[in-house]
Amino acid sequence: MKIKHLLAFIIFGFIFNIIGTLFKIQHWPYASEILTIGTLIKVIFGILLIYKILTTDKFKDFLNL
């Protein structure tokens, strides 16, 4: 998986957390589920990002140029 895809998913996780926080503040339903999904997305793809960084030999390969 390319680095830009990993970063896109992490940003997607942050967006989910922001929306979940809005739902929580407004006391709308499913706020906890949205926050959980956003956190899981960030954790899973954060681990994949760290793995990619640690297993890359060259910086150019890391950026997939």
PDB file of N, CA and C in Angstrom:
ATOM      1  N   MET A   1       0.852  -1.170   0.000  1.00  0.00           N
ATOM      2  CA  MET A   1       0.000   0.000   0.000  1.00  0.00           C
ATOM      3  C   MET A   1       0.902   1.239   0.000  1.00  0.00           C
ATOM      4  N   LYS A   2       0.558   2.204  -0.811  1.00  0.00           N
ATOM      5  CA  LYS A   2       1.364   3.411  -0.914  1.00  0.00           C
ATOM      6  C   LYS A   2       1.159   4.296   0.312  1.00  0.00           C
ATOM      7  N   ILE A   3       2.187   5.094   0.566  1.00  0.00           N
ATOM      8  CA  ILE A   3       2.169   5.964   1.733  1.00  0.00           C
ATOM      9  C   ILE A   3       1.024   6.968   1.668  1.00  0.00           C
ATOM     10  N   LYS A   4       0.708   7.457   0.465  1.00  0.00           N
ATOM     11  CA  LYS A   4      -0.369   8.443   0.363  1.00  0.00           C
ATOM     12  C   LYS A   4      -1.722   7.821   0.687  1.00  0.00           C
ATOM     13  N   HIS A   5      -1.879   6.529   0.423  1.00  0.00           N
ATOM     14  CA  HIS A   5      -3.128   5.866   0.787  1.00  0.00           C
ATOM     15  C   HIS A   5      -3.232   5.702   2.300  1.00  0.00           C
ATOM     16  N   LEU A   6      -2.119   5.360   2.938  1.00  0.00           N
ATOM     17  CA  LEU A   6      -2.121   5.237   4.395  1.00  0.00           C
ATOM     18  C   LEU A   6      -2.454   6.574   5.048  1.00  0.00           C
ATOM     19  N   LEU A   7      -1.835   7.638   4.550  1.00  0.00           N
ATOM     20  CA  LEU A   7      -2.104   8.959   5.112  1.00  0.00           C
ATOM     21  C   LEU A   7      -3.546   9.390   4.866  1.00  0.00           C
ATOM     22  N   ALA A   8      -4.099   9.036   3.720  1.00  0.00           N
ATOM     23  CA  ALA A   8      -5.495   9.376   3.431  1.00  0.00           C
ATOM     24  C   ALA A   8      -6.428   8.681   4.416  1.00  0.00           C
ATOM     25  N   PHE A   9      -6.153   7.418   4.729  1.00  0.00           N
ATOM     26  CA  PHE A   9      -6.992   6.710   5.688  1.00  0.00           C
ATOM     27  C   PHE A   9      -6.853   7.283   7.095  1.00  0.00           C
ATOM     28  N   ILE A  10      -5.657   7.712   7.463  1.00  0.00           N
ATOM     29  CA  ILE A  10      -5.468   8.322   8.780  1.00  0.00           C
ATOM     30  C   ILE A  10      -6.233   9.638   8.859  1.00  0.00           C
ATOM     31  N   ILE A  11      -6.191  10.431   7.807  1.00  0.00           N
ATOM     32  CA  ILE A  11      -6.967  11.676   7.766  1.00  0.00           C
ATOM     33  C   ILE A  11      -8.458  11.368   7.839  1.00  0.00           C
ATOM     34  N   PHE A  12      -8.880  10.313   7.146  1.00  0.00           N
ATOM     35  CA  PHE A  12     -10.276   9.866   7.202  1.00  0.00           C
ATOM     36  C   PHE A  12     -10.665   9.513   8.638  1.00  0.00           C
ATOM     37  N   GLY A  13      -9.759   8.892   9.379  1.00  0.00           N
ATOM     38  CA  GLY A  13     -10.007   8.572  10.787  1.00  0.00           C
ATOM     39  C   GLY A  13     -10.168   9.830  11.630  1.00  0.00           C
ATOM     40  N   PHE A  14      -9.331  10.842  11.368  1.00  0.00           N
ATOM     41  CA  PHE A  14      -9.464  12.104  12.091  1.00  0.00           C
ATOM     42  C   PHE A  14     -10.803  12.774  11.785  1.00  0.00           C
ATOM     43  N   ILE A  15     -11.234  12.705  10.542  1.00  0.00           N
ATOM     44  CA  ILE A  15     -12.532  13.284  10.169  1.00  0.00           C
ATOM     45  C   ILE A  15     -13.660  12.573  10.906  1.00  0.00           C
ATOM     46  N   PHE A  16     -13.573  11.238  10.979  1.00  0.00           N
ATOM     47  CA  PHE A  16     -14.573  10.475  11.724  1.00  0.00           C
ATOM     48  C   PHE A  16     -14.594  10.902  13.185  1.00  0.00           C
ATOM     49  N   ASN A  17     -13.423  11.128  13.782  1.00  0.00           N
ATOM     50  CA  ASN A  17     -13.378  11.553  15.178  1.00  0.00           C
ATOM     51  C   ASN A  17     -13.987  12.938  15.372  1.00  0.00           C
ATOM     52  N   ILE A  18     -13.749  13.834  14.438  1.00  0.00           N
ATOM     53  CA  ILE A  18     -14.329  15.174  14.542  1.00  0.00           C
ATOM     54  C   ILE A  18     -15.850  15.100  14.448  1.00  0.00           C
ATOM     55  N   ILE A  19     -16.345  14.305  13.505  1.00  0.00           N
ATOM     56  CA  ILE A  19     -17.798  14.146  13.365  1.00  0.00           C
ATOM     57  C   ILE A  19     -18.379  13.479  14.608  1.00  0.00           C
ATOM     58  N   GLY A  20     -17.696  12.457  15.125  1.00  0.00           N
ATOM     59  CA  GLY A  20     -18.156  11.784  16.342  1.00  0.00           C
ATOM     60  C   GLY A  20     -18.186  12.716  17.536  1.00  0.00           C
ATOM     61  N   THR A  21     -17.196  13.596  17.627  1.00  0.00           N
ATOM     62  CA  THR A  21     -17.168  14.576  18.710  1.00  0.00           C
ATOM     63  C   THR A  21     -18.345  15.538  18.594  1.00  0.00           C
ATOM     64  N   LEU A  22     -18.643  15.978  17.387  1.00  0.00           N
ATOM     65  CA  LEU A  22     -19.804  16.839  17.169  1.00  0.00           C
ATOM     66  C   LEU A  22     -21.084  16.130  17.601  1.00  0.00           C
ATOM     67  N   PHE A  23     -21.223  14.867  17.219  1.00  0.00           N
ATOM     68  CA  PHE A  23     -22.395  14.091  17.613  1.00  0.00           C
ATOM     69  C   PHE A  23     -22.471  13.972  19.136  1.00  0.00           C
ATOM     70  N   LYS A  24     -21.325  13.776  19.788  1.00  0.00           N
ATOM     71  CA  LYS A  24     -21.291  13.619  21.240  1.00  0.00           C
ATOM     72  C   LYS A  24     -21.702  14.921  21.924  1.00  0.00           C
ATOM     73  N   ILE A  25     -21.209  16.048  21.425  1.00  0.00           N
ATOM     74  CA  ILE A  25     -21.552  17.343  22.012  1.00  0.00           C
ATOM     75  C   ILE A  25     -23.043  17.627  21.859  1.00  0.00           C
ATOM     76  N   GLN A  26     -23.604  17.289  20.700  1.00  0.00           N
ATOM     77  CA  GLN A  26     -25.016  17.543  20.429  1.00  0.00           C
ATOM     78  C   GLN A  26     -25.937  16.471  21.021  1.00  0.00           C
ATOM     79  N   HIS A  27     -25.347  15.424  21.623  1.00  0.00           N
ATOM     80  CA  HIS A  27     -26.108  14.307  22.196  1.00  0.00           C
ATOM     81  C   HIS A  27     -26.948  13.599  21.143  1.00  0.00           C
ATOM     82  N   TRP A  28     -26.398  13.464  19.947  1.00  0.00           N
ATOM     83  CA  TRP A  28     -27.068  12.731  18.883  1.00  0.00           C
ATOM     84  C   TRP A  28     -26.743  11.251  19.003  1.00  0.00           C
ATOM     85  N   PRO A  29     -27.581  10.398  18.433  1.00  0.00           N
ATOM     86  CA  PRO A  29     -27.311   8.957  18.541  1.00  0.00           C
ATOM     87  C   PRO A  29     -26.085   8.536  17.714  1.00  0.00           C
ATOM     88  N   TYR A  30     -25.509   7.402  18.093  1.00  0.00           N
ATOM     89  CA  TYR A  30     -24.375   6.757  17.417  1.00  0.00           C
ATOM     90  C   TYR A  30     -23.065   7.527  17.546  1.00  0.00           C
ATOM     91  N   ALA A  31     -22.975   8.448  18.476  1.00  0.00           N
ATOM     92  CA  ALA A  31     -21.735   9.208  18.643  1.00  0.00           C
ATOM     93  C   ALA A  31     -20.585   8.306  19.084  1.00  0.00           C
ATOM     94  N   SER A  32     -20.847   7.429  20.028  1.00  0.00           N
ATOM     95  CA  SER A  32     -19.789   6.542  20.523  1.00  0.00           C
ATOM     96  C   SER A  32     -19.290   5.601  19.434  1.00  0.00           C
ATOM     97  N   GLU A  33     -20.206   5.117  18.606  1.00  0.00           N
ATOM     98  CA  GLU A  33     -19.813   4.207  17.530  1.00  0.00           C
ATOM     99  C   GLU A  33     -18.935   4.916  16.501  1.00  0.00           C
ATOM    100  N   ILE A  34     -19.293   6.158  16.172  1.00  0.00           N
ATOM    101  CA  ILE A  34     -18.506   6.923  15.203  1.00  0.00           C
ATOM    102  C   ILE A  34     -17.111   7.207  15.759  1.00  0.00           C
ATOM    103  N   LEU A  35     -17.038   7.568  17.047  1.00  0.00           N
ATOM    104  CA  LEU A  35     -15.737   7.798  17.663  1.00  0.00           C
ATOM    105  C   LEU A  35     -14.893   6.527  17.678  1.00  0.00           C
ATOM    106  N   THR A  36     -15.529   5.396  17.958  1.00  0.00           N
ATOM    107  CA  THR A  36     -14.806   4.124  17.981  1.00  0.00           C
ATOM    108  C   THR A  36     -14.280   3.767  16.599  1.00  0.00           C
ATOM    109  N   ILE A  37     -15.103   3.948  15.578  1.00  0.00           N
ATOM    110  CA  ILE A  37     -14.674   3.648  14.205  1.00  0.00           C
ATOM    111  C   ILE A  37     -13.499   4.544  13.810  1.00  0.00           C
ATOM    112  N   GLY A  38     -13.597   5.832  14.116  1.00  0.00           N
ATOM    113  CA  GLY A  38     -12.510   6.755  13.788  1.00  0.00           C
ATOM    114  C   GLY A  38     -11.211   6.392  14.486  1.00  0.00           C
ATOM    115  N   THR A  39     -11.311   6.007  15.751  1.00  0.00           N
ATOM    116  CA  THR A  39     -10.119   5.618  16.500  1.00  0.00           C
ATOM    117  C   THR A  39      -9.515   4.331  15.951  1.00  0.00           C
ATOM    118  N   LEU A  40     -10.351   3.360  15.632  1.00  0.00           N
ATOM    119  CA  LEU A  40      -9.850   2.100  15.070  1.00  0.00           C
ATOM    120  C   LEU A  40      -9.156   2.324  13.730  1.00  0.00           C
ATOM    121  N   ILE A  41      -9.727   3.186  12.893  1.00  0.00           N
ATOM    122  CA  ILE A  41      -9.105   3.488  11.598  1.00  0.00           C
ATOM    123  C   ILE A  41      -7.722   4.093  11.812  1.00  0.00           C
ATOM    124  N   LYS A  42      -7.616   5.049  12.745  1.00  0.00           N
ATOM    125  CA  LYS A  42      -6.323   5.682  12.995  1.00  0.00           C
ATOM    126  C   LYS A  42      -5.306   4.702  13.553  1.00  0.00           C
ATOM    127  N   VAL A  43      -5.729   3.829  14.456  1.00  0.00           N
ATOM    128  CA  VAL A  43      -4.799   2.870  15.057  1.00  0.00           C
ATOM    129  C   VAL A  43      -4.317   1.856  14.024  1.00  0.00           C
ATOM    130  N   ILE A  44      -5.244   1.272  13.270  1.00  0.00           N
ATOM    131  CA  ILE A  44      -4.875   0.243  12.292  1.00  0.00           C
ATOM    132  C   ILE A  44      -3.934   0.803  11.234  1.00  0.00           C
ATOM    133  N   PHE A  45      -4.304   1.929  10.641  1.00  0.00           N
ATOM    134  CA  PHE A  45      -3.469   2.472   9.578  1.00  0.00           C
ATOM    135  C   PHE A  45      -2.221   3.162  10.124  1.00  0.00           C
ATOM    136  N   GLY A  46      -2.252   3.605  11.377  1.00  0.00           N
ATOM    137  CA  GLY A  46      -1.037   4.112  12.014  1.00  0.00           C
ATOM    138  C   GLY A  46      -0.011   3.011  12.208  1.00  0.00           C
ATOM    139  N   ILE A  47      -0.478   1.827  12.625  1.00  0.00           N
ATOM    140  CA  ILE A  47       0.416   0.679  12.771  1.00  0.00           C
ATOM    141  C   ILE A  47       0.988   0.278  11.415  1.00  0.00           C
ATOM    142  N   LEU A  48       0.147   0.269  10.383  1.00  0.00           N
ATOM    143  CA  LEU A  48       0.641  -0.051   9.040  1.00  0.00           C
ATOM    144  C   LEU A  48       1.679   0.969   8.568  1.00  0.00           C
ATOM    145  N   LEU A  49       1.467   2.242   8.886  1.00  0.00           N
ATOM    146  CA  LEU A  49       2.417   3.288   8.511  1.00  0.00           C
ATOM    147  C   LEU A  49       3.755   3.083   9.216  1.00  0.00           C
ATOM    148  N   ILE A  50       3.715   2.791  10.499  1.00  0.00           N
ATOM    149  CA  ILE A  50       4.948   2.538  11.252  1.00  0.00           C
ATOM    150  C   ILE A  50       5.672   1.320  10.694  1.00  0.00           C
ATOM    151  N   TYR A  51       4.923   0.271  10.378  1.00  0.00           N
ATOM    152  CA  TYR A  51       5.523  -0.932   9.800  1.00  0.00           C
ATOM    153  C   TYR A  51       6.207  -0.614   8.470  1.00  0.00           C
ATOM    154  N   LYS A  52       5.543   0.195   7.643  1.00  0.00           N
ATOM    155  CA  LYS A  52       6.125   0.551   6.344  1.00  0.00           C
ATOM    156  C   LYS A  52       7.401   1.361   6.533  1.00  0.00           C
ATOM    157  N   ILE A  53       7.406   2.271   7.490  1.00  0.00           N
ATOM    158  CA  ILE A  53       8.596   3.078   7.753  1.00  0.00           C
ATOM    159  C   ILE A  53       9.749   2.197   8.229  1.00  0.00           C
ATOM    160  N   LEU A  54       9.455   1.265   9.120  1.00  0.00           N
ATOM    161  CA  LEU A  54      10.516   0.431   9.687  1.00  0.00           C
ATOM    162  C   LEU A  54      11.062  -0.603   8.714  1.00  0.00           C
ATOM    163  N   THR A  55      10.278  -1.009   7.734  1.00  0.00           N
ATOM    164  CA  THR A  55      10.729  -2.047   6.809  1.00  0.00           C
ATOM    165  C   THR A  55      11.237  -1.497   5.477  1.00  0.00           C
ATOM    166  N   THR A  56      11.310  -0.193   5.341  1.00  0.00           N
ATOM    167  CA  THR A  56      11.758   0.420   4.090  1.00  0.00           C
ATOM    168  C   THR A  56      13.272   0.600   4.100  1.00  0.00           C
ATOM    169  N   ASP A  57      13.920   0.204   3.011  1.00  0.00           N
ATOM    170  CA  ASP A  57      15.371   0.330   2.908  1.00  0.00           C
ATOM    171  C   ASP A  57      15.795   1.739   2.508  1.00  0.00           C
ATOM    172  N   LYS A  58      15.081   2.322   1.587  1.00  0.00           N
ATOM    173  CA  LYS A  58      15.457   3.632   1.073  1.00  0.00           C
ATOM    174  C   LYS A  58      14.304   4.615   1.257  1.00  0.00           C
ATOM    175  N   PHE A  59      14.659   5.870   1.430  1.00  0.00           N
ATOM    176  CA  PHE A  59      13.637   6.897   1.590  1.00  0.00           C
ATOM    177  C   PHE A  59      12.825   7.075   0.320  1.00  0.00           C
ATOM    178  N   LYS A  60      13.455   6.925  -0.834  1.00  0.00           N
ATOM    179  CA  LYS A  60      12.750   7.065  -2.107  1.00  0.00           C
ATOM    180  C   LYS A  60      11.702   5.963  -2.256  1.00  0.00           C
ATOM    181  N   ASP A  61      12.028   4.749  -1.839  1.00  0.00           N
ATOM    182  CA  ASP A  61      11.043   3.663  -1.873  1.00  0.00           C
ATOM    183  C   ASP A  61       9.904   3.936  -0.902  1.00  0.00           C
ATOM    184  N   PHE A  62      10.220   4.555   0.211  1.00  0.00           N
ATOM    185  CA  PHE A  62       9.205   4.875   1.214  1.00  0.00           C
ATOM    186  C   PHE A  62       8.143   5.802   0.637  1.00  0.00           C
ATOM    187  N   LEU A  63       8.574   6.750  -0.174  1.00  0.00           N
ATOM    188  CA  LEU A  63       7.623   7.681  -0.769  1.00  0.00           C
ATOM    189  C   LEU A  63       6.942   7.122  -2.009  1.00  0.00           C
ATOM    190  N   ASN A  64       7.371   5.964  -2.482  1.00  0.00           N
ATOM    191  CA  ASN A  64       6.797   5.318  -3.663  1.00  0.00           C
ATOM    192  C   ASN A  64       6.855   6.215  -4.896  1.00  0.00           C
ATOM    193  N   LEU A  65       7.982   6.826  -5.111  1.00  0.00           N
ATOM    194  CA  LEU A  65       8.125   7.714  -6.270  1.00  0.00           C
ATOM    195  C   LEU A  65       8.526   6.955  -7.499  1.00  0.00           C
TER     196      LEU A  65
END
